[in-house]
C-alpha atoms as a PDB file:
ATOM      1  CA  UNK A   1      -2.902   8.899   2.380  1.00  0.00           C
ATOM      2  CA  UNK A   2      -4.605   6.583  -0.789  1.00  0.00           C
ATOM      3  CA  UNK A   3      -2.933   9.251  -3.308  1.00  0.00           C
ATOM      4  CA  UNK A   4       0.475   8.507  -1.045  1.00  0.00           C
ATOM      5  CA  UNK A   5       0.117   4.828  -1.516  1.00  0.00           C
ATOM      6  CA  UNK A   6      -0.671   5.286  -5.361  1.00  0.00           C
ATOM      7  CA  UNK A   7       2.400   7.215  -5.977  1.00  0.00           C
ATOM      8  CA  UNK A   8       4.872   4.835  -4.396  1.00  0.00           C
ATOM      9  CA  UNK A   9       3.270   1.667  -6.297  1.00  0.00           C
ATOM     10  CA  UNK A  10       3.161   3.150  -9.274  1.00  0.00           C
ATOM     11  CA  UNK A  11       6.618   3.944  -9.278  1.00  0.00           C
ATOM     12  CA  UNK A  12       7.544   0.499  -8.482  1.00  0.00           C
ATOM     13  CA  UNK A  13       5.709  -1.645 -10.951  1.00  0.00           C
ATOM     14  CA  UNK A  14       5.650  -2.376 -14.786  1.00  0.00           C
ATOM     15  CA  UNK A  15       1.951  -1.989 -15.212  1.00  0.00           C
ATOM     16  CA  UNK A  16       1.356   1.040 -13.335  1.00  0.00           C
ATOM     17  CA  UNK A  17      -2.655   1.305 -14.915  1.00  0.00           C
ATOM     18  CA  UNK A  18      -3.811  -1.671 -13.223  1.00  0.00           C
ATOM     19  CA  UNK A  19      -2.969  -0.157 -10.145  1.00  0.00           C
ATOM     20  CA  UNK A  20      -6.183   0.036  -7.218  1.00  0.00           C
ATOM     21  CA  UNK A  21      -6.513   0.736  -3.664  1.00  0.00           C
ATOM     22  CA  UNK A  22     -10.047   0.122  -1.707  1.00  0.00           C
ATOM     23  CA  UNK A  23     -10.623   1.777   1.129  1.00  0.00           C
ATOM     24  CA  UNK A  24     -12.503   0.050   3.828  1.00  0.00           C
ATOM     25  CA  UNK A  25     -13.088   1.857   7.190  1.00  0.00           C
ATOM     26  CA  UNK A  26     -12.378  -1.026  10.158  1.00  0.00           C
ATOM     27  CA  UNK A  27     -13.038  -1.505  13.548  1.00  0.00           C
ATOM     28  CA  UNK A  28      -9.540  -1.861  13.730  1.00  0.00           C
ATOM     29  CA  UNK A  29      -8.705   1.448  11.663  1.00  0.00           C
ATOM     30  CA  UNK A  30      -8.775   2.385   7.859  1.00  0.00           C
ATOM     31  CA  UNK A  31      -7.514  -0.405   5.376  1.00  0.00           C
ATOM     32  CA  UNK A  32      -6.113   0.312   2.385  1.00  0.00           C
ATOM     33  CA  UNK A  33      -6.088  -2.902  -0.067  1.00  0.00           C
ATOM     34  CA  UNK A  34      -3.466  -2.259  -2.728  1.00  0.00           C
ATOM     35  CA  UNK A  35      -4.065  -4.756  -5.881  1.00  0.00           C
ATOM     36  CA  UNK A  36      -1.776  -4.960  -8.730  1.00  0.00           C
ATOM     37  CA  UNK A  37      -1.095  -7.382 -11.362  1.00  0.00           C
ATOM     38  CA  UNK A  38       0.242 -10.454 -10.627  1.00  0.00           C
ATOM     39  CA  UNK A  39       3.446 -10.214 -12.437  1.00  0.00           C
ATOM     40  CA  UNK A  40       4.471  -7.013 -10.382  1.00  0.00           C
ATOM     41  CA  UNK A  41       3.539  -8.363  -6.971  1.00  0.00           C
ATOM     42  CA  UNK A  42       7.249  -9.859  -5.985  1.00  0.00           C
ATOM     43  CA  UNK A  43       8.184  -5.806  -6.979  1.00  0.00           C
ATOM     44  CA  UNK A  44       5.626  -4.564  -4.047  1.00  0.00           C
ATOM     45  CA  UNK A  45       6.723  -7.011  -1.685  1.00  0.00           C
ATOM     46  CA  UNK A  46      10.570  -6.969  -1.948  1.00  0.00           C
ATOM     47  CA  UNK A  47      12.908  -9.674  -1.167  1.00  0.00           C
ATOM     48  CA  UNK A  48      11.796 -10.718   2.140  1.00  0.00           C
ATOM     49  CA  UNK A  49      10.002  -8.252   2.619  1.00  0.00           C
ATOM     50  CA  UNK A  50      11.474  -5.055   2.447  1.00  0.00           C
ATOM     51  CA  UNK A  51       9.473  -2.645  -0.075  1.00  0.00           C
ATOM     52  CA  UNK A  52       6.024  -3.902   1.665  1.00  0.00           C
ATOM     53  CA  UNK A  53       7.619  -2.970   4.935  1.00  0.00           C
ATOM     54  CA  UNK A  54       9.257   0.550   4.024  1.00  0.00           C
ATOM     55  CA  UNK A  55       5.813   1.040   2.362  1.00  0.00           C
ATOM     56  CA  UNK A  56       3.755   0.423   5.340  1.00  0.00           C
ATOM     57  CA  UNK A  57       6.863   2.552   7.392  1.00  0.00           C
ATOM     58  CA  UNK A  58       5.748   5.671   5.564  1.00  0.00           C
ATOM     59  CA  UNK A  59       2.005   5.328   5.532  1.00  0.00           C
ATOM     60  CA  UNK A  60       2.141   4.901   9.101  1.00  0.00           C
ATOM     61  CA  UNK A  61       4.112   7.922   9.602  1.00  0.00           C
ATOM     62  CA  UNK A  62       1.883  10.089   7.379  1.00  0.00           C
ATOM     63  CA  UNK A  63      -1.029   9.293   9.354  1.00  0.00           C
ATOM     64  CA  UNK A  64       0.183  10.373  12.773  1.00  0.00           C
ATOM     65  CA  UNK A  65      -1.427  13.658  12.611  1.00  0.00           C
ATOM     66  CA  UNK A  66      -4.605  11.805  11.554  1.00  0.00           C
ATOM     67  CA  UNK A  67      -4.310   9.770  15.126  1.00  0.00           C
ATOM     68  CA  UNK A  68      -6.011   6.859  13.184  1.00  0.00           C
ATOM     69  CA  UNK A  69      -4.506   2.990  12.937  1.00  0.00           C
ATOM     70  CA  UNK A  70      -3.652   2.598   9.017  1.00  0.00           C
ATOM     71  CA  UNK A  71      -3.350  -0.821   7.673  1.00  0.00           C
ATOM     72  CA  UNK A  72      -1.988  -1.615   4.254  1.00  0.00           C
ATOM     73  CA  UNK A  73      -3.013  -5.134   2.537  1.00  0.00           C
ATOM     74  CA  UNK A  74      -1.521  -6.651  -0.558  1.00  0.00           C
ATOM     75  CA  UNK A  75      -3.639  -8.176  -2.519  1.00  0.00           C
ATOM     76  CA  UNK A  76      -3.123 -10.789  -5.344  1.00  0.00           C
END
């Protein structure tokens, strides 16, 4: 799952070398904290959050087999 988020995020940003993901297991499920360069935050979120929502939809669909809840948080 981490690799999927990395591939999507690196394709969207201008500074792909600064894309980082921290994985945390929580009582809510698995949390993936995505951090990018400050100039790239808008590209990850998109207009009205459309890109972020689409990325979360893809990751949620890919995690159906594991039957664990997956949360993608975008950190600044």
